[in-house]
Structure formats: C-alpha cells, structure tokens
C-alpha cells in the first residue's frame, strides 16, 4: 500500500463502500492512521514510578485537551490568517478502499 503523508496532496484511486466503482480522487490528508502504537516504556520502572508516570501523563493529557480546545480549527485559522472564508469538503476514506 502506498504511504500517505499528512499535509501532502495525493492522487488516489478509491473504491466506493456501497458500489464497486472506482474513482480518482485528489486529497489532502489531515490525519493518517499509524500501525505502530506510540507509548512510554515503563518496563524497567518500579510500580510507584509507573503510577507517578501515569499520573503525570494524565495531567499532561488534561493540559493538552484544554490547550487544543481553544485552538483554531482549519477554517477559522484560514479566516484569521488570510481574511478568506473557505468551506472545504471534509471526507473520510477507508484505507482498505484505496486501491491505487
């Protein structure tokens, strides 16, 4: 399967979910799923250190959630930075249906 990269325009051939018809699409991936889990290795830590790491990460996750809640979405960012109002066609594509 070809490698899609977030933020890079890609030409794909997509097989519809309800019909076997294939169509050429030009997309700008905004999220590309990973097959590898990113994680913090805790194996060599004591149980107390593991618990502390879990607590610290929970605090960080809450901070990050609050930070992103106040961030611009793509449309408002474009309007803020360029003065243009846009209405992109957001779509979801199943990776298993990208055939070329």
C-alpha atoms as a PDB file:
ATOM      1  CA  UNK A   1       0.000   0.000   0.000  1.00  0.00           C
ATOM      2  CA  UNK A   2       1.230   3.498  -0.776  1.00  0.00           C
ATOM      3  CA  UNK A   3       2.332   5.813   2.001  1.00  0.00           C
ATOM      4  CA  UNK A   4       0.094   8.836   2.521  1.00  0.00           C
ATOM      5  CA  UNK A   5       1.572  11.813   4.356  1.00  0.00           C
ATOM      6  CA  UNK A   6      -0.364  14.338   6.383  1.00  0.00           C
ATOM      7  CA  UNK A   7      -0.481  17.696   4.639  1.00  0.00           C
ATOM      8  CA  UNK A   8       0.769  16.422   1.258  1.00  0.00           C
ATOM      9  CA  UNK A   9      -1.581  16.321  -1.738  1.00  0.00           C
ATOM     10  CA  UNK A  10      -2.158  12.777  -3.007  1.00  0.00           C
ATOM     11  CA  UNK A  11      -3.822  11.333  -6.073  1.00  0.00           C
ATOM     12  CA  UNK A  12      -5.669   8.129  -5.139  1.00  0.00           C
ATOM     13  CA  UNK A  13      -7.966   5.593  -6.709  1.00  0.00           C
ATOM     14  CA  UNK A  14     -10.809   4.932  -4.297  1.00  0.00           C
ATOM     15  CA  UNK A  15     -13.273   2.043  -4.385  1.00  0.00           C
ATOM     16  CA  UNK A  16     -16.634   3.142  -3.012  1.00  0.00           C
ATOM     17  CA  UNK A  17     -18.126   1.455   0.035  1.00  0.00           C
ATOM     18  CA  UNK A  18     -21.575   0.923  -1.469  1.00  0.00           C
ATOM     19  CA  UNK A  19     -20.567   0.234  -5.068  1.00  0.00           C
ATOM     20  CA  UNK A  20     -17.525  -1.491  -6.560  1.00  0.00           C
ATOM     21  CA  UNK A  21     -16.980   1.533  -8.822  1.00  0.00           C
ATOM     22  CA  UNK A  22     -13.510   3.036  -8.579  1.00  0.00           C
ATOM     23  CA  UNK A  23     -12.925   6.771  -8.777  1.00  0.00           C
ATOM     24  CA  UNK A  24      -9.894   9.028  -8.995  1.00  0.00           C
ATOM     25  CA  UNK A  25      -9.680  11.451  -6.103  1.00  0.00           C
ATOM     26  CA  UNK A  26      -7.279  14.215  -5.161  1.00  0.00           C
ATOM     27  CA  UNK A  27      -6.999  14.527  -1.396  1.00  0.00           C
ATOM     28  CA  UNK A  28      -5.062  16.449   1.250  1.00  0.00           C
ATOM     29  CA  UNK A  29      -4.688  14.021   4.165  1.00  0.00           C
ATOM     30  CA  UNK A  30      -5.239  15.719   7.520  1.00  0.00           C
ATOM     31  CA  UNK A  31      -4.863  12.525   9.553  1.00  0.00           C
ATOM     32  CA  UNK A  32      -3.104   9.330   8.565  1.00  0.00           C
ATOM     33  CA  UNK A  33      -3.538   6.353  10.894  1.00  0.00           C
ATOM     34  CA  UNK A  34      -0.432   4.651  12.176  1.00  0.00           C
ATOM     35  CA  UNK A  35       0.111   0.914  12.510  1.00  0.00           C
ATOM     36  CA  UNK A  36       2.575   1.405  15.356  1.00  0.00           C
ATOM     37  CA  UNK A  37       1.467   2.483  18.810  1.00  0.00           C
ATOM     38  CA  UNK A  38       3.436   5.340  20.367  1.00  0.00           C
ATOM     39  CA  UNK A  39       3.937   4.592  24.036  1.00  0.00           C
ATOM     40  CA  UNK A  40       6.133   5.337  27.018  1.00  0.00           C
ATOM     41  CA  UNK A  41       8.170   2.301  28.047  1.00  0.00           C
ATOM     42  CA  UNK A  42       7.563   1.509  31.734  1.00  0.00           C
ATOM     43  CA  UNK A  43       9.040  -1.991  31.994  1.00  0.00           C
ATOM     44  CA  UNK A  44      12.123  -1.029  33.992  1.00  0.00           C
ATOM     45  CA  UNK A  45      10.285   1.283  36.402  1.00  0.00           C
ATOM     46  CA  UNK A  46       9.028   0.335  39.865  1.00  0.00           C
ATOM     47  CA  UNK A  47       5.287   0.216  40.473  1.00  0.00           C
ATOM     48  CA  UNK A  48       5.499   3.571  42.276  1.00  0.00           C
ATOM     49  CA  UNK A  49       7.370   5.130  39.333  1.00  0.00           C
ATOM     50  CA  UNK A  50       4.824   3.658  36.914  1.00  0.00           C
ATOM     51  CA  UNK A  51       1.967   5.154  38.923  1.00  0.00           C
ATOM     52  CA  UNK A  52       3.728   8.515  39.010  1.00  0.00           C
ATOM     53  CA  UNK A  53       4.279   8.417  35.241  1.00  0.00           C
ATOM     54  CA  UNK A  54       0.613   7.548  34.706  1.00  0.00           C
ATOM     55  CA  UNK A  55      -0.431  10.470  36.927  1.00  0.00           C
ATOM     56  CA  UNK A  56       1.927  12.888  35.161  1.00  0.00           C
ATOM     57  CA  UNK A  57       0.665  11.787  31.764  1.00  0.00           C
ATOM     58  CA  UNK A  58      -2.960  12.237  32.882  1.00  0.00           C
ATOM     59  CA  UNK A  59      -2.101  15.818  33.941  1.00  0.00           C
ATOM     60  CA  UNK A  60      -0.399  16.433  30.606  1.00  0.00           C
ATOM     61  CA  UNK A  61      -3.370  14.992  28.674  1.00  0.00           C
ATOM     62  CA  UNK A  62      -5.737  17.339  30.521  1.00  0.00           C
ATOM     63  CA  UNK A  63      -3.441  20.309  29.798  1.00  0.00           C
ATOM     64  CA  UNK A  64      -3.247  19.343  26.112  1.00  0.00           C
ATOM     65  CA  UNK A  65      -7.016  18.890  25.842  1.00  0.00           C
ATOM     66  CA  UNK A  66      -7.578  22.362  27.322  1.00  0.00           C
ATOM     67  CA  UNK A  67      -4.909  23.851  25.058  1.00  0.00           C
ATOM     68  CA  UNK A  68      -6.415  22.373  21.879  1.00  0.00           C
ATOM     69  CA  UNK A  69      -9.982  23.279  22.925  1.00  0.00           C
ATOM     70  CA  UNK A  70      -9.032  26.937  22.496  1.00  0.00           C
ATOM     71  CA  UNK A  71      -7.103  26.470  19.271  1.00  0.00           C
ATOM     72  CA  UNK A  72      -8.425  27.496  15.856  1.00  0.00           C
ATOM     73  CA  UNK A  73      -9.899  24.850  13.596  1.00  0.00           C
ATOM     74  CA  UNK A  74      -8.681  24.890   9.996  1.00  0.00           C
ATOM     75  CA  UNK A  75     -11.460  27.109   8.662  1.00  0.00           C
ATOM     76  CA  UNK A  76     -11.187  29.755  11.400  1.00  0.00           C
ATOM     77  CA  UNK A  77      -7.395  29.709  11.166  1.00  0.00           C
ATOM     78  CA  UNK A  78      -7.531  30.418   7.404  1.00  0.00           C
ATOM     79  CA  UNK A  79     -10.032  33.230   8.007  1.00  0.00           C
ATOM     80  CA  UNK A  80      -7.894  34.684  10.805  1.00  0.00           C
ATOM     81  CA  UNK A  81      -4.604  34.458   8.910  1.00  0.00           C
ATOM     82  CA  UNK A  82      -5.734  35.381   5.379  1.00  0.00           C
ATOM     83  CA  UNK A  83      -9.144  37.015   5.717  1.00  0.00           C
ATOM     84  CA  UNK A  84     -10.613  34.394   3.355  1.00  0.00           C
ATOM     85  CA  UNK A  85     -13.662  32.317   4.223  1.00  0.00           C
ATOM     86  CA  UNK A  86     -13.424  28.726   2.981  1.00  0.00           C
ATOM     87  CA  UNK A  87     -15.687  25.672   3.096  1.00  0.00           C
ATOM     88  CA  UNK A  88     -13.536  22.593   2.422  1.00  0.00           C
ATOM     89  CA  UNK A  89     -15.190  19.277   1.604  1.00  0.00           C
ATOM     90  CA  UNK A  90     -14.177  17.132   4.585  1.00  0.00           C
ATOM     91  CA  UNK A  91     -14.287  13.417   3.749  1.00  0.00           C
ATOM     92  CA  UNK A  92     -13.254  10.158   5.398  1.00  0.00           C
ATOM     93  CA  UNK A  93     -11.553   7.491   3.285  1.00  0.00           C
ATOM     94  CA  UNK A  94     -11.119   3.898   4.461  1.00  0.00           C
ATOM     95  CA  UNK A  95      -7.523   2.867   3.847  1.00  0.00           C
ATOM     96  CA  UNK A  96      -8.688  -0.570   2.737  1.00  0.00           C
ATOM     97  CA  UNK A  97     -10.663   1.073  -0.105  1.00  0.00           C
ATOM     98  CA  UNK A  98      -7.681   2.991  -1.533  1.00  0.00           C
ATOM     99  CA  UNK A  99      -6.592   0.726  -4.359  1.00  0.00           C
ATOM    100  CA  UNK A 100      -4.060   2.882  -6.100  1.00  0.00           C
END
